[in-house]
Amino acid sequence: MVIISKYNALTGQAVTTDLNEYVTTETINGVFKMVAEKETGIRNNSALRTTSLLEKVFGAVKK
């Protein structure tokens, strides 16, 4: 921990070694990335709009 504290002081960066925080952040980022990819597919391919709700939400989107 002393090395990280000295590194942070010298570089002005806030490097953390909290493994729980890292795993949680990466998991959340991964979930949002997957949602964004799915949404892009639904917007670009009308065949993926398989429910009435998806048709209602994305049906008005024209590309």
PDB file of N, CA and C in Angstrom:
ATOM      1  N   MET A   1       0.814  -1.199   0.000  1.00  0.00           N
ATOM      2  CA  MET A   1       0.000   0.000   0.000  1.00  0.00           C
ATOM      3  C   MET A   1       0.859   1.264   0.000  1.00  0.00           C
ATOM      4  N   VAL A   2       2.028   1.182   0.617  1.00  0.00           N
ATOM      5  CA  VAL A   2       2.912   2.336   0.670  1.00  0.00           C
ATOM      6  C   VAL A   2       3.366   2.709  -0.739  1.00  0.00           C
ATOM      7  N   ILE A   3       3.637   1.725  -1.547  1.00  0.00           N
ATOM      8  CA  ILE A   3       4.082   1.983  -2.923  1.00  0.00           C
ATOM      9  C   ILE A   3       2.978   2.688  -3.703  1.00  0.00           C
ATOM     10  N   ILE A   4       1.736   2.237  -3.543  1.00  0.00           N
ATOM     11  CA  ILE A   4       0.608   2.863  -4.248  1.00  0.00           C
ATOM     12  C   ILE A   4       0.429   4.299  -3.778  1.00  0.00           C
ATOM     13  N   SER A   5       0.532   4.536  -2.494  1.00  0.00           N
ATOM     14  CA  SER A   5       0.399   5.899  -1.955  1.00  0.00           C
ATOM     15  C   SER A   5       1.474   6.817  -2.520  1.00  0.00           C
ATOM     16  N   LYS A   6       2.712   6.331  -2.582  1.00  0.00           N
ATOM     17  CA  LYS A   6       3.806   7.138  -3.135  1.00  0.00           C
ATOM     18  C   LYS A   6       3.595   7.382  -4.627  1.00  0.00           C
ATOM     19  N   TYR A   7       3.149   6.349  -5.349  1.00  0.00           N
ATOM     20  CA  TYR A   7       2.869   6.497  -6.781  1.00  0.00           C
ATOM     21  C   TYR A   7       1.785   7.553  -6.999  1.00  0.00           C
ATOM     22  N   ASN A   8       0.706   7.472  -6.217  1.00  0.00           N
ATOM     23  CA  ASN A   8      -0.381   8.449  -6.335  1.00  0.00           C
ATOM     24  C   ASN A   8       0.115   9.859  -6.050  1.00  0.00           C
ATOM     25  N   ALA A   9       0.960  10.023  -5.055  1.00  0.00           N
ATOM     26  CA  ALA A   9       1.488  11.341  -4.704  1.00  0.00           C
ATOM     27  C   ALA A   9       2.395  11.889  -5.802  1.00  0.00           C
ATOM     28  N   LEU A  10       3.240  11.032  -6.369  1.00  0.00           N
ATOM     29  CA  LEU A  10       4.171  11.484  -7.400  1.00  0.00           C
ATOM     30  C   LEU A  10       3.486  11.814  -8.723  1.00  0.00           C
ATOM     31  N   THR A  11       2.504  11.013  -9.101  1.00  0.00           N
ATOM     32  CA  THR A  11       1.879  11.189 -10.416  1.00  0.00           C
ATOM     33  C   THR A  11       0.614  12.033 -10.379  1.00  0.00           C
ATOM     34  N   GLY A  12       0.029  12.199  -9.196  1.00  0.00           N
ATOM     35  CA  GLY A  12      -1.222  12.939  -9.103  1.00  0.00           C
ATOM     36  C   GLY A  12      -2.424  12.117  -9.520  1.00  0.00           C
ATOM     37  N   GLN A  13      -2.219  10.824  -9.765  1.00  0.00           N
ATOM     38  CA  GLN A  13      -3.315   9.928 -10.141  1.00  0.00           C
ATOM     39  C   GLN A  13      -3.886   9.274  -8.897  1.00  0.00           C
ATOM     40  N   ALA A  14      -5.098   8.780  -9.022  1.00  0.00           N
ATOM     41  CA  ALA A  14      -5.748   8.106  -7.905  1.00  0.00           C
ATOM     42  C   ALA A  14      -5.882   6.622  -8.216  1.00  0.00           C
ATOM     43  N   VAL A  15      -4.770   5.892  -8.146  1.00  0.00           N
ATOM     44  CA  VAL A  15      -4.786   4.455  -8.378  1.00  0.00           C
ATOM     45  C   VAL A  15      -5.298   3.779  -7.116  1.00  0.00           C
ATOM     46  N   THR A  16      -6.230   2.869  -7.273  1.00  0.00           N
ATOM     47  CA  THR A  16      -6.766   2.149  -6.128  1.00  0.00           C
ATOM     48  C   THR A  16      -6.491   0.662  -6.266  1.00  0.00           C
ATOM     49  N   THR A  17      -6.383  -0.007  -5.155  1.00  0.00           N
ATOM     50  CA  THR A  17      -6.135  -1.448  -5.179  1.00  0.00           C
ATOM     51  C   THR A  17      -7.320  -2.216  -4.613  1.00  0.00           C
ATOM     52  N   ASP A  18      -8.474  -1.572  -4.555  1.00  0.00           N
ATOM     53  CA  ASP A  18      -9.676  -2.212  -4.016  1.00  0.00           C
ATOM     54  C   ASP A  18     -10.253  -3.152  -5.069  1.00  0.00           C
ATOM     55  N   LEU A  19     -10.058  -4.453  -4.868  1.00  0.00           N
ATOM     56  CA  LEU A  19     -10.489  -5.451  -5.838  1.00  0.00           C
ATOM     57  C   LEU A  19     -12.007  -5.476  -5.983  1.00  0.00           C
ATOM     58  N   ASN A  20     -12.744  -5.336  -4.895  1.00  0.00           N
ATOM     59  CA  ASN A  20     -14.209  -5.326  -4.961  1.00  0.00           C
ATOM     60  C   ASN A  20     -14.723  -4.175  -5.813  1.00  0.00           C
ATOM     61  N   GLU A  21     -14.139  -2.998  -5.634  1.00  0.00           N
ATOM     62  CA  GLU A  21     -14.544  -1.829  -6.427  1.00  0.00           C
ATOM     63  C   GLU A  21     -14.259  -2.064  -7.910  1.00  0.00           C
ATOM     64  N   TYR A  22     -13.095  -2.626  -8.210  1.00  0.00           N
ATOM     65  CA  TYR A  22     -12.711  -2.888  -9.593  1.00  0.00           C
ATOM     66  C   TYR A  22     -13.670  -3.871 -10.256  1.00  0.00           C
ATOM     67  N   VAL A  23     -13.951  -4.972  -9.584  1.00  0.00           N
ATOM     68  CA  VAL A  23     -14.832  -6.001 -10.141  1.00  0.00           C
ATOM     69  C   VAL A  23     -16.234  -5.448 -10.342  1.00  0.00           C
ATOM     70  N   THR A  24     -16.736  -4.705  -9.368  1.00  0.00           N
ATOM     71  CA  THR A  24     -18.075  -4.116  -9.485  1.00  0.00           C
ATOM     72  C   THR A  24     -18.145  -3.145 -10.655  1.00  0.00           C
ATOM     73  N   THR A  25     -17.161  -2.271 -10.768  1.00  0.00           N
ATOM     74  CA  THR A  25     -17.137  -1.288 -11.857  1.00  0.00           C
ATOM     75  C   THR A  25     -17.065  -1.962 -13.212  1.00  0.00           C
ATOM     76  N   GLU A  26     -16.200  -2.949 -13.357  1.00  0.00           N
ATOM     77  CA  GLU A  26     -16.061  -3.650 -14.637  1.00  0.00           C
ATOM     78  C   GLU A  26     -17.324  -4.428 -14.993  1.00  0.00           C
ATOM     79  N   THR A  27     -17.980  -5.006 -14.000  1.00  0.00           N
ATOM     80  CA  THR A  27     -19.223  -5.737 -14.243  1.00  0.00           C
ATOM     81  C   THR A  27     -20.315  -4.800 -14.729  1.00  0.00           C
ATOM     82  N   ILE A  28     -20.466  -3.674 -14.068  1.00  0.00           N
ATOM     83  CA  ILE A  28     -21.481  -2.696 -14.474  1.00  0.00           C
ATOM     84  C   ILE A  28     -21.189  -2.182 -15.874  1.00  0.00           C
ATOM     85  N   ASN A  29     -19.937  -1.872 -16.159  1.00  0.00           N
ATOM     86  CA  ASN A  29     -19.570  -1.408 -17.505  1.00  0.00           C
ATOM     87  C   ASN A  29     -19.879  -2.470 -18.558  1.00  0.00           C
ATOM     88  N   GLY A  30     -19.618  -3.731 -18.232  1.00  0.00           N
ATOM     89  CA  GLY A  30     -19.913  -4.817 -19.161  1.00  0.00           C
ATOM     90  C   GLY A  30     -21.396  -4.972 -19.426  1.00  0.00           C
ATOM     91  N   VAL A  31     -22.205  -4.839 -18.381  1.00  0.00           N
ATOM     92  CA  VAL A  31     -23.662  -4.944 -18.549  1.00  0.00           C
ATOM     93  C   VAL A  31     -24.164  -3.821 -19.443  1.00  0.00           C
ATOM     94  N   PHE A  32     -23.711  -2.594 -19.197  1.00  0.00           N
ATOM     95  CA  PHE A  32     -24.154  -1.476 -20.026  1.00  0.00           C
ATOM     96  C   PHE A  32     -23.700  -1.634 -21.473  1.00  0.00           C
ATOM     97  N   LYS A  33     -22.518  -2.185 -21.687  1.00  0.00           N
ATOM     98  CA  LYS A  33     -22.035  -2.423 -23.053  1.00  0.00           C
ATOM     99  C   LYS A  33     -22.921  -3.441 -23.758  1.00  0.00           C
ATOM    100  N   MET A  34     -23.291  -4.518 -23.050  1.00  0.00           N
ATOM    101  CA  MET A  34     -24.161  -5.533 -23.643  1.00  0.00           C
ATOM    102  C   MET A  34     -25.537  -4.960 -23.971  1.00  0.00           C
ATOM    103  N   VAL A  35     -26.081  -4.133 -23.093  1.00  0.00           N
ATOM    104  CA  VAL A  35     -27.378  -3.498 -23.339  1.00  0.00           C
ATOM    105  C   VAL A  35     -27.287  -2.580 -24.553  1.00  0.00           C
ATOM    106  N   ALA A  36     -26.208  -1.824 -24.651  1.00  0.00           N
ATOM    107  CA  ALA A  36     -26.036  -0.913 -25.790  1.00  0.00           C
ATOM    108  C   ALA A  36     -25.937  -1.681 -27.104  1.00  0.00           C
ATOM    109  N   GLU A  37     -25.225  -2.794 -27.105  1.00  0.00           N
ATOM    110  CA  GLU A  37     -25.103  -3.602 -28.325  1.00  0.00           C
ATOM    111  C   GLU A  37     -26.452  -4.189 -28.726  1.00  0.00           C
ATOM    112  N   LYS A  38     -27.214  -4.665 -27.761  1.00  0.00           N
ATOM    113  CA  LYS A  38     -28.538  -5.226 -28.038  1.00  0.00           C
ATOM    114  C   LYS A  38     -29.467  -4.144 -28.581  1.00  0.00           C
ATOM    115  N   GLU A  39     -29.426  -2.967 -27.971  1.00  0.00           N
ATOM    116  CA  GLU A  39     -30.270  -1.865 -28.423  1.00  0.00           C
ATOM    117  C   GLU A  39     -29.921  -1.446 -29.853  1.00  0.00           C
ATOM    118  N   THR A  40     -28.636  -1.410 -30.159  1.00  0.00           N
ATOM    119  CA  THR A  40     -28.210  -1.068 -31.518  1.00  0.00           C
ATOM    120  C   THR A  40     -28.759  -2.090 -32.511  1.00  0.00           C
ATOM    121  N   GLY A  41     -28.698  -3.370 -32.152  1.00  0.00           N
ATOM    122  CA  GLY A  41     -29.242  -4.407 -33.020  1.00  0.00           C
ATOM    123  C   GLY A  41     -30.744  -4.234 -33.231  1.00  0.00           C
ATOM    124  N   ILE A  42     -31.467  -3.935 -32.186  1.00  0.00           N
ATOM    125  CA  ILE A  42     -32.920  -3.745 -32.288  1.00  0.00           C
ATOM    126  C   ILE A  42     -33.238  -2.534 -33.151  1.00  0.00           C
ATOM    127  N   ARG A  43     -32.479  -1.467 -32.984  1.00  0.00           N
ATOM    128  CA  ARG A  43     -32.724  -0.255 -33.779  1.00  0.00           C
ATOM    129  C   ARG A  43     -32.438  -0.491 -35.267  1.00  0.00           C
ATOM    130  N   ASN A  44     -31.397  -1.268 -35.565  1.00  0.00           N
ATOM    131  CA  ASN A  44     -30.968  -1.447 -36.948  1.00  0.00           C
ATOM    132  C   ASN A  44     -31.631  -2.610 -37.665  1.00  0.00           C
ATOM    133  N   ASN A  45     -32.245  -3.532 -36.938  1.00  0.00           N
ATOM    134  CA  ASN A  45     -32.829  -4.723 -37.554  1.00  0.00           C
ATOM    135  C   ASN A  45     -34.250  -4.912 -37.019  1.00  0.00           C
ATOM    136  N   SER A  46     -35.229  -4.600 -37.831  1.00  0.00           N
ATOM    137  CA  SER A  46     -36.616  -4.684 -37.377  1.00  0.00           C
ATOM    138  C   SER A  46     -37.037  -6.117 -37.037  1.00  0.00           C
ATOM    139  N   ALA A  47     -36.343  -7.118 -37.549  1.00  0.00           N
ATOM    140  CA  ALA A  47     -36.671  -8.508 -37.233  1.00  0.00           C
ATOM    141  C   ALA A  47     -36.407  -8.834 -35.765  1.00  0.00           C
ATOM    142  N   LEU A  48     -35.570  -8.045 -35.119  1.00  0.00           N
ATOM    143  CA  LEU A  48     -35.274  -8.260 -33.706  1.00  0.00           C
ATOM    144  C   LEU A  48     -36.334  -7.650 -32.786  1.00  0.00           C
ATOM    145  N   ARG A  49     -37.259  -6.901 -33.341  1.00  0.00           N
ATOM    146  CA  ARG A  49     -38.345  -6.318 -32.547  1.00  0.00           C
ATOM    147  C   ARG A  49     -39.456  -7.357 -32.449  1.00  0.00           C
ATOM    148  N   THR A  50     -39.279  -8.304 -31.548  1.00  0.00           N
ATOM    149  CA  THR A  50     -40.127  -9.491 -31.502  1.00  0.00           C
ATOM    150  C   THR A  50     -41.333  -9.378 -30.589  1.00  0.00           C
ATOM    151  N   THR A  51     -41.437  -8.320 -29.803  1.00  0.00           N
ATOM    152  CA  THR A  51     -42.596  -8.160 -28.926  1.00  0.00           C
ATOM    153  C   THR A  51     -43.315  -6.878 -29.259  1.00  0.00           C
ATOM    154  N   SER A  52     -44.559  -6.779 -28.800  1.00  0.00           N
ATOM    155  CA  SER A  52     -45.326  -5.561 -29.065  1.00  0.00           C
ATOM    156  C   SER A  52     -44.688  -4.348 -28.385  1.00  0.00           C
ATOM    157  N   LEU A  53     -44.075  -4.564 -27.234  1.00  0.00           N
ATOM    158  CA  LEU A  53     -43.407  -3.452 -26.552  1.00  0.00           C
ATOM    159  C   LEU A  53     -42.215  -2.944 -27.355  1.00  0.00           C
ATOM    160  N   LEU A  54     -41.406  -3.873 -27.886  1.00  0.00           N
ATOM    161  CA  LEU A  54     -40.272  -3.454 -28.713  1.00  0.00           C
ATOM    162  C   LEU A  54     -40.749  -2.747 -29.971  1.00  0.00           C
ATOM    163  N   GLU A  55     -41.828  -3.236 -30.568  1.00  0.00           N
ATOM    164  CA  GLU A  55     -42.406  -2.555 -31.745  1.00  0.00           C
ATOM    165  C   GLU A  55     -42.861  -1.154 -31.383  1.00  0.00           C
ATOM    166  N   LYS A  56     -43.483  -1.026 -30.221  1.00  0.00           N
ATOM    167  CA  LYS A  56     -44.000   0.274 -29.793  1.00  0.00           C
ATOM    168  C   LYS A  56     -42.848   1.254 -29.515  1.00  0.00           C
ATOM    169  N   VAL A  57     -41.809   0.761 -28.843  1.00  0.00           N
ATOM    170  CA  VAL A  57     -40.692   1.638 -28.474  1.00  0.00           C
ATOM    171  C   VAL A  57     -39.821   1.969 -29.677  1.00  0.00           C
ATOM    172  N   PHE A  58     -39.484   0.965 -30.493  1.00  0.00           N
ATOM    173  CA  PHE A  58     -38.531   1.170 -31.581  1.00  0.00           C
ATOM    174  C   PHE A  58     -39.185   1.228 -32.953  1.00  0.00           C
ATOM    175  N   GLY A  59     -40.489   1.055 -33.025  1.00  0.00           N
ATOM    176  CA  GLY A  59     -41.168   1.012 -34.316  1.00  0.00           C
ATOM    177  C   GLY A  59     -41.124   2.316 -35.078  1.00  0.00           C
ATOM    178  N   ALA A  60     -41.085   3.439 -34.359  1.00  0.00           N
ATOM    179  CA  ALA A  60     -41.083   4.735 -35.009  1.00  0.00           C
ATOM    180  C   ALA A  60     -39.693   5.146 -35.492  1.00  0.00           C
ATOM    181  N   VAL A  61     -38.684   4.404 -35.100  1.00  0.00           N
ATOM    182  CA  VAL A  61     -37.307   4.731 -35.493  1.00  0.00           C
ATOM    183  C   VAL A  61     -37.098   4.264 -36.932  1.00  0.00           C
ATOM    184  N   LYS A  62     -36.753   5.176 -37.801  1.00  0.00           N
ATOM    185  CA  LYS A  62     -36.479   4.853 -39.201  1.00  0.00           C
ATOM    186  C   LYS A  62     -35.035   5.193 -39.496  1.00  0.00           C
ATOM    187  N   LYS A  63     -34.356   4.309 -40.191  1.00  0.00           N
ATOM    188  CA  LYS A  63     -32.963   4.573 -40.591  1.00  0.00           C
ATOM    189  C   LYS A  63     -32.835   4.463 -42.065  1.00  0.00           C
TER     190      LYS A  63
END
